Amino acid sequence: MCGSKMGTIVRGFPVRIRDDRSKRKVLVHVLSMWLILTGQAGCSGGYSSSPAPTPTPTPTPNATFDLVSVATGFTNPEDVQQPNDGSGRLFVVEQGGRIQIIRSDGTRVTSPFLDVTGKSGFTSGGETGLLGLAFHPMYAQNRRFFVNYTRTIGGQLQTVIAEFTASATNANFADATTENILFTVDQPFANHNGGGLAFGKEGSLYIGLGDGGSAGDPQCNAQNINVLLGKMLRIDVDSTAAPGLNYALPLDNPFVGKTGRGEIWLYGLRNPFRFSFDSANGNLWIGDVGQNSFEEVDLLTPQQGGSNMGWNLREGTHPFSTACTQTGNTLTDPIFDYDRSQGDETVIGGHVYHGTKMPALAGAFVFGDFISGRVWSLTQSGQSWTRTFLLNTAGGDLAGFGRDQAGELYVARYSTGVVARVHQVGQP
C-alpha cells in the first residue's frame, strides 16, 4: 500500500501541507478550498502507459477575453445553473447550504431560493457542503430540481442526492420540506466527495462521486464496481422506481443485471468535481482532479458507458499505483492531461461553448484550474488537442463554470464571491 500525506482541512477548500511554514499560512488563508478536490500522496506503480505530451498554454492569437461581473456578494459560490424556464434567472450554489437567484436584469433576489442549512446533520466546510445543482429538463412544467449535499448522521459523513420541488406560487422559492432523498452514500473520509450533477441529452441524471478520500484511494473504491465511490452514476428519475430504490435504473447501464452496481456509468475516477454535457452531441466532459502530479480532462461519447477511467492505476495518462486490482481489461485515457509545474493543481471542468457572443470560442471546451485561477480553451486538430490560455481569475477562486440557455458561460468565483460572465473583448 502506498504512503499518503493528507492536507489540512479548514473552512472552504482545503490545502496541502508544505514544509515552508510561511507559505503554508498564505495557502491556508487564500486556497482553503483545495483539499476538497485533491488530497496528497506519494505513490508510484508499475503499470506502464505512454504519457501524452502536455502542450504549453499560449495566448489566443486573434481574440482576448475578460470577465464581466454579473452579481457580487455571494458566500463561497461553487456552481451556477440556469433552468430552461424562460426566466433568464441564474441560480448560484453557495457551499454553506443556500441557493441564491440572480434575476435576468442582474439584481439579486433577497431571500434564498433553497436553504438546506436546517437539514438534519447538514455539514459544510472543507470538502463538504452544498456542492451541486441540476434542474430537470422539464423544470418549466414540473418544477423539479436535484442537489448534492453532505450531512453527518450518528458520526457518519454522508453524501445526499436529493430532489426538491419549487413553489407553484412563488417561482423564487423552494421549500426545503419538499425534499425527496434519492439515496445517500457513506463517505469514509472528508475529502473527494465529487459534487456535480447534470442531465444528459437522453434525460438521465448523472452524478459524479469521488473515491471516498484520504489520498491515493486506500480502499481501492474507484476500481471496485460493487461500490458507488469513484464513479460516474446514471439514474432514471422519471420512471417507476426499481425495487428497494427511490429511482429507476436505465436498462442500458453497463452493469444492470450483471455483477456490479446498476447505477454505475463510468468507474476509475478520482474526484470528478465538475462535468458537463455538450449540448450539440451529448458527449460527456469531465474534469477529474489529480493526486500529486497531473490533472486530467476526459471526453466520452454516449456509447462509452462502462469505461474504466484508470484511477488509481493511473494519474492522467501516467502510472500511479499497483496497490489496487484493475477491473476489466481496458483503461480509457483522458484526451488531455497537464502537470503542475506552472502552479496549476486542481482542474475545474467547464463547458463546450455554443453561444454567439464569443465567436472565437465556437465549439471549444472552456475549463480552468482552481489553484492558479487560469481559464483555457481546449480544441482538437486531427488527433491532437491544444490548450490555449484565455484569462486569469485569481488563485483559489475558480470553483465552477455555468452555462445559460443561450450557451454563454459564467464562472463562480469562490473567494471573491462574484459571479461573472466570460466575455470576448470587442463583442457584446
Protein backbone atom coordinates (compact mmCIF):
# COMPACT_ATOMS: atom_id res chain seq x y z
CA MET A 1 0.00 0.00 0.00
CA CYS A 2 1.40 3.40 -0.92
CA GLY A 3 2.06 6.06 1.70
CA SER A 4 -0.01 9.21 1.97
CA LYS A 5 0.22 12.80 3.12
CA MET A 6 -3.09 14.40 3.93
CA GLY A 7 -3.93 18.07 3.68
CA THR A 8 -5.14 20.29 6.48
CA ILE A 9 -8.89 20.85 6.36
CA VAL A 10 -10.02 24.39 7.01
CA ARG A 11 -13.25 26.09 6.15
CA GLY A 12 -13.79 26.07 2.41
CA PHE A 13 -11.46 24.33 0.00
CA PRO A 14 -8.50 22.57 1.68
CA VAL A 15 -4.80 22.91 1.11
CA ARG A 16 -1.75 20.69 1.09
CA ILE A 17 0.75 20.83 3.95
CA ARG A 18 4.01 22.34 2.79
CA ASP A 19 7.37 22.42 4.55
CA ASP A 20 7.70 26.20 4.31
CA ARG A 21 5.57 27.48 7.22
CA SER A 22 5.11 30.97 5.84
CA LYS A 23 3.90 29.62 2.51
CA ARG A 24 1.56 27.29 4.32
CA LYS A 25 -0.08 30.17 6.19
CA VAL A 26 -0.69 32.05 2.96
CA LEU A 27 -2.14 28.97 1.28
CA VAL A 28 -4.47 28.22 4.17
CA HIS A 29 -5.79 31.77 4.02
CA VAL A 30 -6.22 32.04 0.26
CA LEU A 31 -6.64 28.48 -1.03
CA SER A 32 -8.87 26.97 1.62
CA MET A 33 -10.88 25.01 -0.97
CA TRP A 34 -8.14 22.68 -2.22
CA LEU A 35 -8.36 19.52 -0.13
CA ILE A 36 -11.98 19.17 -1.13
CA LEU A 37 -10.70 18.26 -4.52
CA THR A 38 -7.15 16.98 -4.25
CA GLY A 39 -5.66 15.18 -1.24
CA GLN A 40 -1.96 14.28 -1.47
CA ALA A 41 0.09 11.10 -1.55
CA GLY A 42 3.44 9.92 -2.73
CA CYS A 43 2.93 6.81 -4.84
CA SER A 44 4.27 5.20 -7.95
CA GLY A 45 3.30 2.00 -9.69
CA GLY A 46 4.50 -0.48 -12.24
CA TYR A 47 1.65 -0.01 -14.68
CA SER A 48 3.11 1.19 -17.96
CA SER A 49 1.49 3.62 -20.36
CA SER A 50 2.57 6.16 -22.94
CA PRO A 51 2.08 9.61 -21.40
CA ALA A 52 0.50 12.16 -23.69
CA PRO A 53 2.50 15.37 -24.16
CA THR A 54 1.23 18.42 -22.31
CA PRO A 55 1.01 21.44 -24.63
CA THR A 56 2.24 24.73 -23.19
CA PRO A 57 -0.57 27.30 -22.83
CA THR A 58 -0.22 30.13 -25.31
CA PRO A 59 -2.17 33.37 -25.64
CA THR A 60 -5.12 33.36 -28.03
CA PRO A 61 -3.76 34.93 -31.25
CA ASN A 62 -6.88 36.64 -32.58
CA ALA A 63 -9.03 37.36 -29.55
CA THR A 64 -8.75 38.45 -25.95
CA PHE A 65 -11.06 37.64 -23.09
CA ASP A 66 -12.05 39.08 -19.73
CA LEU A 67 -14.72 38.68 -17.09
CA VAL A 68 -17.81 40.85 -16.82
CA SER A 69 -19.28 40.92 -13.34
CA VAL A 70 -22.92 39.82 -13.18
CA ALA A 71 -23.52 39.92 -9.41
CA THR A 72 -21.49 40.08 -6.21
CA GLY A 73 -21.78 39.40 -2.51
CA PHE A 74 -22.09 35.61 -2.55
CA THR A 75 -20.53 33.42 0.13
CA ASN A 76 -18.25 30.75 -1.36
CA PRO A 77 -20.19 30.22 -4.60
CA GLU A 78 -19.34 26.90 -6.25
CA ASP A 79 -21.83 26.38 -9.06
CA VAL A 80 -24.03 28.40 -11.44
CA GLN A 81 -27.03 26.87 -13.22
CA GLN A 82 -29.98 28.09 -15.28
CA PRO A 83 -33.24 26.20 -15.85
CA ASN A 84 -34.93 26.21 -19.24
CA ASP A 85 -37.98 28.05 -17.94
CA GLY A 86 -37.54 31.22 -19.98
CA SER A 87 -37.00 33.39 -16.89
CA GLY A 88 -33.35 34.20 -17.59
CA ARG A 89 -32.52 33.69 -13.91
CA LEU A 90 -29.17 32.32 -12.77
CA PHE A 91 -29.08 30.11 -9.67
CA VAL A 92 -25.92 30.27 -7.58
CA VAL A 93 -24.97 27.42 -5.25
CA GLU A 94 -23.23 28.53 -2.04
CA GLN A 95 -21.19 25.88 -0.24
CA GLY A 96 -22.70 26.90 3.11
CA GLY A 97 -26.10 25.48 2.13
CA ARG A 98 -28.08 28.10 0.19
CA ILE A 99 -29.03 28.62 -3.44
CA GLN A 100 -29.34 32.28 -4.43
CA ILE A 101 -31.00 33.80 -7.50
CA ILE A 102 -29.76 36.45 -9.92
CA ARG A 103 -32.63 37.93 -11.92
CA SER A 104 -32.30 38.48 -15.66
CA ASP A 105 -31.63 42.19 -15.04
CA GLY A 106 -28.65 41.39 -12.80
CA THR A 107 -30.33 42.15 -9.49
CA ARG A 108 -30.41 39.58 -6.72
CA VAL A 109 -33.45 38.10 -5.04
CA THR A 110 -33.22 38.96 -1.34
CA SER A 111 -34.14 35.56 0.09
CA PRO A 112 -32.54 32.23 -0.84
CA PHE A 113 -34.30 30.00 -3.35
CA LEU A 114 -33.40 26.98 -1.23
CA ASP A 115 -31.85 26.73 2.23
CA VAL A 116 -30.73 23.30 3.44
CA THR A 117 -28.79 24.53 6.47
CA GLY A 118 -31.60 23.34 8.71
CA LYS A 119 -31.50 19.79 7.38
CA SER A 120 -30.59 17.19 10.00
CA GLY A 121 -26.82 16.87 10.22
CA PHE A 122 -26.07 19.27 7.35
CA THR A 123 -22.30 19.58 7.19
CA SER A 124 -20.30 22.32 5.47
CA GLY A 125 -16.65 23.32 5.33
CA GLY A 126 -13.55 21.72 3.91
CA GLU A 127 -14.74 19.34 1.22
CA THR A 128 -18.32 19.28 2.45
CA GLY A 129 -21.43 21.37 1.99
CA LEU A 130 -23.95 22.07 -0.75
CA LEU A 131 -21.91 21.03 -3.78
CA GLY A 132 -24.05 20.81 -6.91
CA LEU A 133 -27.38 21.54 -8.60
CA ALA A 134 -29.23 20.22 -11.66
CA PHE A 135 -32.63 21.29 -12.97
CA HIS A 136 -34.92 18.71 -14.53
CA PRO A 137 -35.16 19.11 -18.33
CA MET A 138 -38.91 19.69 -17.87
CA TYR A 139 -38.45 22.11 -14.98
CA ALA A 140 -40.80 24.68 -16.52
CA GLN A 141 -43.58 22.10 -16.24
CA ASN A 142 -42.70 20.06 -13.13
CA ARG A 143 -40.53 22.47 -11.03
CA ARG A 144 -38.22 19.58 -10.01
CA PHE A 145 -34.53 20.03 -9.28
CA PHE A 146 -31.77 17.98 -7.68
CA VAL A 147 -28.88 18.75 -5.36
CA ASN A 148 -25.80 17.10 -3.88
CA TYR A 149 -25.01 17.95 -0.26
CA THR A 150 -23.31 16.38 2.75
CA ARG A 151 -24.58 15.56 6.22
CA THR A 152 -23.30 13.80 9.32
CA ILE A 153 -25.64 11.30 10.96
CA GLY A 154 -24.50 9.37 14.03
CA GLY A 155 -20.93 10.44 13.35
CA GLN A 156 -21.01 9.15 9.75
CA LEU A 157 -20.41 11.63 6.94
CA GLN A 158 -22.74 11.03 4.00
CA THR A 159 -23.33 12.35 0.52
CA VAL A 160 -27.01 13.06 -0.04
CA ILE A 161 -28.56 13.15 -3.50
CA ALA A 162 -32.00 14.72 -3.12
CA GLU A 163 -34.88 16.09 -5.16
CA PHE A 164 -36.80 19.25 -4.30
CA THR A 165 -39.79 21.00 -5.87
CA ALA A 166 -40.08 24.75 -6.38
CA SER A 167 -43.19 26.54 -5.19
CA ALA A 168 -46.14 26.69 -7.57
CA THR A 169 -47.00 30.20 -6.39
CA ASN A 170 -43.54 31.73 -5.88
CA ALA A 171 -41.02 30.89 -8.58
CA ASN A 172 -38.19 32.24 -6.45
CA PHE A 173 -38.72 29.84 -3.56
CA ALA A 174 -38.40 26.12 -2.89
CA ASP A 175 -39.49 24.78 0.49
CA ALA A 176 -36.83 22.51 1.98
CA THR A 177 -39.60 20.27 3.33
CA THR A 178 -40.33 19.09 -0.23
CA GLU A 179 -37.11 17.08 -0.08
CA ASN A 180 -37.18 13.56 -1.51
CA ILE A 181 -33.86 11.82 -0.77
CA LEU A 182 -32.97 9.56 -3.69
CA PHE A 183 -30.01 7.94 -1.96
CA THR A 184 -27.13 8.51 0.42
CA VAL A 185 -23.54 7.28 0.27
CA ASP A 186 -21.36 6.88 3.36
CA GLN A 187 -18.08 8.74 3.00
CA PRO A 188 -15.06 7.08 4.67
CA PHE A 189 -13.08 10.34 4.66
CA ALA A 190 -13.97 14.02 4.45
CA ASN A 191 -12.47 14.75 1.03
CA HIS A 192 -13.07 13.70 -2.59
CA ASN A 193 -16.85 13.97 -2.41
CA GLY A 194 -17.34 14.95 -6.04
CA GLY A 195 -20.27 17.32 -6.23
CA GLY A 196 -21.56 17.78 -9.77
CA LEU A 197 -24.91 16.66 -11.17
CA ALA A 198 -26.18 17.02 -14.74
CA PHE A 199 -28.84 15.66 -17.04
CA GLY A 200 -27.71 14.00 -20.25
CA LYS A 201 -29.41 14.64 -23.58
CA GLU A 202 -31.32 11.37 -23.19
CA GLY A 203 -32.83 12.57 -19.90
CA SER A 204 -30.92 10.54 -17.31
CA LEU A 205 -29.42 12.18 -14.23
CA TYR A 206 -25.65 11.79 -13.92
CA ILE A 207 -23.88 12.14 -10.56
CA GLY A 208 -20.11 12.40 -10.04
CA LEU A 209 -18.75 10.82 -6.86
CA GLY A 210 -15.13 10.91 -5.70
CA ASP A 211 -13.19 7.87 -4.49
CA GLY A 212 -14.00 8.41 -0.81
CA GLY A 213 -10.97 10.46 0.08
CA SER A 214 -7.82 10.24 2.14
CA ALA A 215 -5.10 10.05 -0.54
CA GLY A 216 -4.27 7.52 -3.24
CA ASP A 217 -7.63 5.70 -2.85
CA PRO A 218 -6.53 3.47 0.06
CA GLN A 219 -9.78 1.47 -0.07
CA CYS A 220 -9.50 0.85 -3.84
CA ASN A 221 -13.02 2.20 -4.30
CA ALA A 222 -12.53 3.53 -7.83
CA GLN A 223 -11.77 0.06 -9.24
CA ASN A 224 -14.49 -1.65 -7.19
CA ILE A 225 -17.70 -1.88 -9.23
CA ASN A 226 -19.66 -3.02 -6.17
CA VAL A 227 -19.46 0.44 -4.54
CA LEU A 228 -20.58 3.84 -5.78
CA LEU A 229 -17.47 5.82 -4.82
CA GLY A 230 -15.05 6.82 -7.58
CA LYS A 231 -17.78 6.61 -10.20
CA MET A 232 -19.99 8.49 -12.61
CA LEU A 233 -23.52 7.34 -11.81
CA ARG A 234 -26.54 7.40 -14.13
CA ILE A 235 -30.10 7.06 -12.86
CA ASP A 236 -33.64 7.50 -14.18
CA VAL A 237 -35.69 9.91 -12.05
CA ASP A 238 -38.84 9.75 -14.21
CA SER A 239 -39.75 6.06 -14.48
CA THR A 240 -41.19 3.78 -11.82
CA ALA A 241 -38.58 3.19 -9.13
CA ALA A 242 -36.74 -0.12 -9.08
CA PRO A 243 -37.47 -2.45 -6.13
CA GLY A 244 -35.79 -1.16 -2.97
CA LEU A 245 -34.69 2.08 -4.65
CA ASN A 246 -36.09 5.60 -4.92
CA TYR A 247 -35.23 5.85 -8.63
CA ALA A 248 -35.11 3.64 -11.70
CA LEU A 249 -32.05 2.14 -13.36
CA PRO A 250 -31.63 2.78 -17.11
CA LEU A 251 -31.66 -0.65 -18.74
CA ASP A 252 -28.64 0.21 -20.89
CA ASN A 253 -26.42 1.00 -17.89
CA PRO A 254 -23.41 -1.32 -18.23
CA PHE A 255 -23.86 -3.31 -15.01
CA VAL A 256 -27.64 -3.68 -14.89
CA GLY A 257 -28.38 -7.38 -14.47
CA LYS A 258 -24.68 -8.17 -14.09
CA THR A 259 -22.06 -8.17 -11.35
CA GLY A 260 -21.66 -4.61 -10.10
CA ARG A 261 -23.91 -1.72 -9.10
CA GLY A 262 -26.54 -0.90 -11.69
CA GLU A 263 -26.17 2.86 -11.12
CA ILE A 264 -22.59 2.90 -12.46
CA TRP A 265 -21.95 4.51 -15.85
CA LEU A 266 -18.18 5.00 -15.56
CA TYR A 267 -15.63 3.91 -12.97
CA GLY A 268 -11.98 4.53 -12.16
CA LEU A 269 -12.47 8.22 -11.30
CA ARG A 270 -10.68 10.08 -8.52
CA ASN A 271 -12.72 13.25 -7.95
CA PRO A 272 -14.94 14.36 -10.86
CA PHE A 273 -15.88 17.61 -9.14
CA ARG A 274 -17.23 19.33 -12.26
CA PHE A 275 -18.52 17.78 -15.50
CA SER A 276 -20.93 18.70 -18.28
CA PHE A 277 -22.55 17.52 -21.50
CA ASP A 278 -22.00 19.01 -24.93
CA SER A 279 -25.45 20.32 -25.83
CA ALA A 280 -24.80 19.57 -29.51
CA ASN A 281 -23.90 15.87 -29.42
CA GLY A 282 -24.32 14.64 -25.85
CA ASN A 283 -20.62 13.98 -25.26
CA LEU A 284 -19.61 13.93 -21.60
CA TRP A 285 -16.70 16.15 -20.48
CA ILE A 286 -15.15 15.56 -17.05
CA GLY A 287 -12.51 17.43 -15.10
CA ASP A 288 -11.05 14.74 -12.82
CA VAL A 289 -8.82 16.25 -10.13
CA GLY A 290 -5.36 14.68 -9.84
CA GLN A 291 -3.40 13.41 -6.86
CA ASN A 292 0.22 14.51 -6.94
CA SER A 293 1.31 15.46 -10.41
CA PHE A 294 -1.33 15.53 -13.16
CA GLU A 295 -4.81 16.93 -13.81
CA GLU A 296 -6.99 15.35 -16.46
CA VAL A 297 -9.82 16.14 -18.88
CA ASP A 298 -11.95 13.21 -20.03
CA LEU A 299 -14.21 13.09 -23.08
CA LEU A 300 -16.64 10.24 -23.62
CA THR A 301 -19.34 9.67 -26.21
CA PRO A 302 -22.78 8.39 -25.21
CA GLN A 303 -21.67 4.94 -26.41
CA GLN A 304 -18.79 4.64 -23.91
CA GLY A 305 -20.71 3.66 -20.80
CA GLY A 306 -18.79 1.11 -18.74
CA SER A 307 -15.40 2.67 -19.39
CA ASN A 308 -12.67 2.34 -16.77
CA MET A 309 -11.04 5.77 -16.45
CA GLY A 310 -7.93 4.34 -14.82
CA TRP A 311 -7.65 5.67 -11.28
CA ASN A 312 -5.73 4.66 -9.13
CA LEU A 313 -3.68 2.64 -11.59
CA ARG A 314 -3.01 5.84 -13.47
CA GLU A 315 -2.99 9.52 -12.72
CA GLY A 316 -3.94 11.04 -16.05
CA THR A 317 -2.03 9.01 -18.61
CA HIS A 318 0.79 8.25 -16.18
CA PRO A 319 1.38 5.20 -13.97
CA PHE A 320 0.41 5.80 -10.35
CA SER A 321 -0.03 2.65 -8.23
CA THR A 322 -0.18 -1.14 -8.27
CA ALA A 323 -1.91 -1.30 -4.88
CA CYS A 324 -5.39 -1.93 -6.36
CA THR A 325 -6.51 -4.63 -8.77
CA GLN A 326 -7.66 -3.46 -12.18
CA THR A 327 -11.29 -4.19 -13.06
CA GLY A 328 -11.79 -5.12 -16.72
CA ASN A 329 -9.21 -5.36 -19.45
CA THR A 330 -9.12 -1.82 -20.83
CA LEU A 331 -8.33 1.60 -19.42
CA THR A 332 -9.67 4.72 -21.10
CA ASP A 333 -7.15 7.55 -21.15
CA PRO A 334 -8.06 11.22 -20.82
CA ILE A 335 -7.91 13.25 -24.01
CA PHE A 336 -5.69 15.74 -22.20
CA ASP A 337 -3.70 15.97 -19.01
CA TYR A 338 -1.41 18.66 -17.63
CA ASP A 339 1.28 18.73 -15.00
CA ARG A 340 1.64 21.05 -12.03
CA SER A 341 4.90 22.73 -12.95
CA GLN A 342 3.20 26.09 -13.63
CA GLY A 343 1.16 26.15 -10.43
CA ASP A 344 -1.97 24.57 -11.92
CA GLU A 345 -3.10 21.92 -9.46
CA THR A 346 -6.89 21.43 -9.43
CA VAL A 347 -8.78 21.09 -12.71
CA ILE A 348 -12.28 22.58 -12.89
CA GLY A 349 -14.35 21.10 -15.69
CA GLY A 350 -16.31 23.55 -17.83
CA HIS A 351 -18.46 23.50 -20.97
CA VAL A 352 -18.26 23.27 -24.74
CA TYR A 353 -19.15 26.73 -26.00
CA HIS A 354 -22.12 27.05 -28.36
CA GLY A 355 -23.14 30.64 -27.65
CA THR A 356 -23.00 33.62 -30.01
CA LYS A 357 -21.15 36.33 -28.04
CA MET A 358 -17.68 34.73 -28.23
CA PRO A 359 -17.22 33.59 -31.85
CA ALA A 360 -13.53 32.86 -31.27
CA LEU A 361 -14.53 30.04 -28.91
CA ALA A 362 -17.15 28.35 -31.09
CA GLY A 363 -17.05 24.60 -30.39
CA ALA A 364 -14.17 24.86 -27.89
CA PHE A 365 -14.20 23.29 -24.43
CA VAL A 366 -13.65 26.00 -21.82
CA PHE A 367 -12.25 24.91 -18.46
CA GLY A 368 -9.87 26.10 -15.76
CA ASP A 369 -7.87 25.45 -12.61
CA PHE A 370 -8.86 26.40 -9.08
CA ILE A 371 -5.36 26.82 -7.68
CA SER A 372 -3.89 29.01 -10.42
CA GLY A 373 -7.16 30.67 -11.47
CA ARG A 374 -6.32 30.22 -15.14
CA VAL A 375 -9.03 29.66 -17.74
CA TRP A 376 -8.27 27.89 -21.04
CA SER A 377 -9.92 26.56 -24.15
CA LEU A 378 -9.26 23.05 -25.44
CA THR A 379 -9.57 22.38 -29.17
CA GLN A 380 -8.88 19.42 -31.42
CA SER A 381 -6.90 19.31 -34.64
CA GLY A 382 -6.66 15.82 -36.09
CA GLN A 383 -5.62 13.53 -33.24
CA SER A 384 -4.08 16.25 -31.08
CA TRP A 385 -5.58 18.61 -28.54
CA THR A 386 -4.36 22.15 -27.90
CA ARG A 387 -4.84 24.09 -24.70
CA THR A 388 -4.98 27.87 -25.17
CA PHE A 389 -4.83 30.42 -22.35
CA LEU A 390 -7.82 32.77 -22.21
CA LEU A 391 -7.72 34.72 -18.93
CA ASN A 392 -6.90 34.70 -15.24
CA THR A 393 -9.36 34.85 -12.37
CA ALA A 394 -7.40 34.63 -9.11
CA GLY A 395 -5.65 31.91 -7.17
CA GLY A 396 -8.08 29.83 -5.12
CA ASP A 397 -11.07 31.49 -6.78
CA LEU A 398 -12.37 29.48 -9.76
CA ALA A 399 -14.81 26.91 -8.35
CA GLY A 400 -17.14 26.24 -11.25
CA PHE A 401 -18.48 27.20 -14.66
CA GLY A 402 -22.10 27.84 -15.56
CA ARG A 403 -23.91 27.93 -18.88
CA ASP A 404 -27.16 29.73 -19.68
CA GLN A 405 -29.80 28.64 -22.16
CA ALA A 406 -28.18 30.78 -24.87
CA GLY A 407 -24.86 28.95 -24.37
CA GLU A 408 -23.00 31.83 -22.71
CA LEU A 409 -20.55 30.90 -19.96
CA TYR A 410 -20.18 32.09 -16.36
CA VAL A 411 -17.74 31.49 -13.54
CA ALA A 412 -18.38 31.07 -9.82
CA ARG A 413 -15.58 32.89 -8.01
CA TYR A 414 -15.23 31.15 -4.68
CA SER A 415 -13.05 33.52 -2.66
CA THR A 416 -14.26 36.84 -4.12
CA GLY A 417 -17.97 35.94 -4.03
CA VAL A 418 -18.57 37.06 -7.61
CA VAL A 419 -20.48 35.50 -10.49
CA ALA A 420 -19.08 36.77 -13.80
CA ARG A 421 -19.64 36.14 -17.49
CA VAL A 422 -16.77 35.08 -19.71
CA HIS A 423 -16.50 37.81 -22.35
CA GLN A 424 -14.68 38.19 -25.67
CA VAL A 425 -13.33 41.71 -25.87
CA GLY A 426 -14.99 43.67 -28.67
CA GLN A 427 -18.13 41.52 -28.59
CA PRO A 428 -21.41 42.10 -26.72
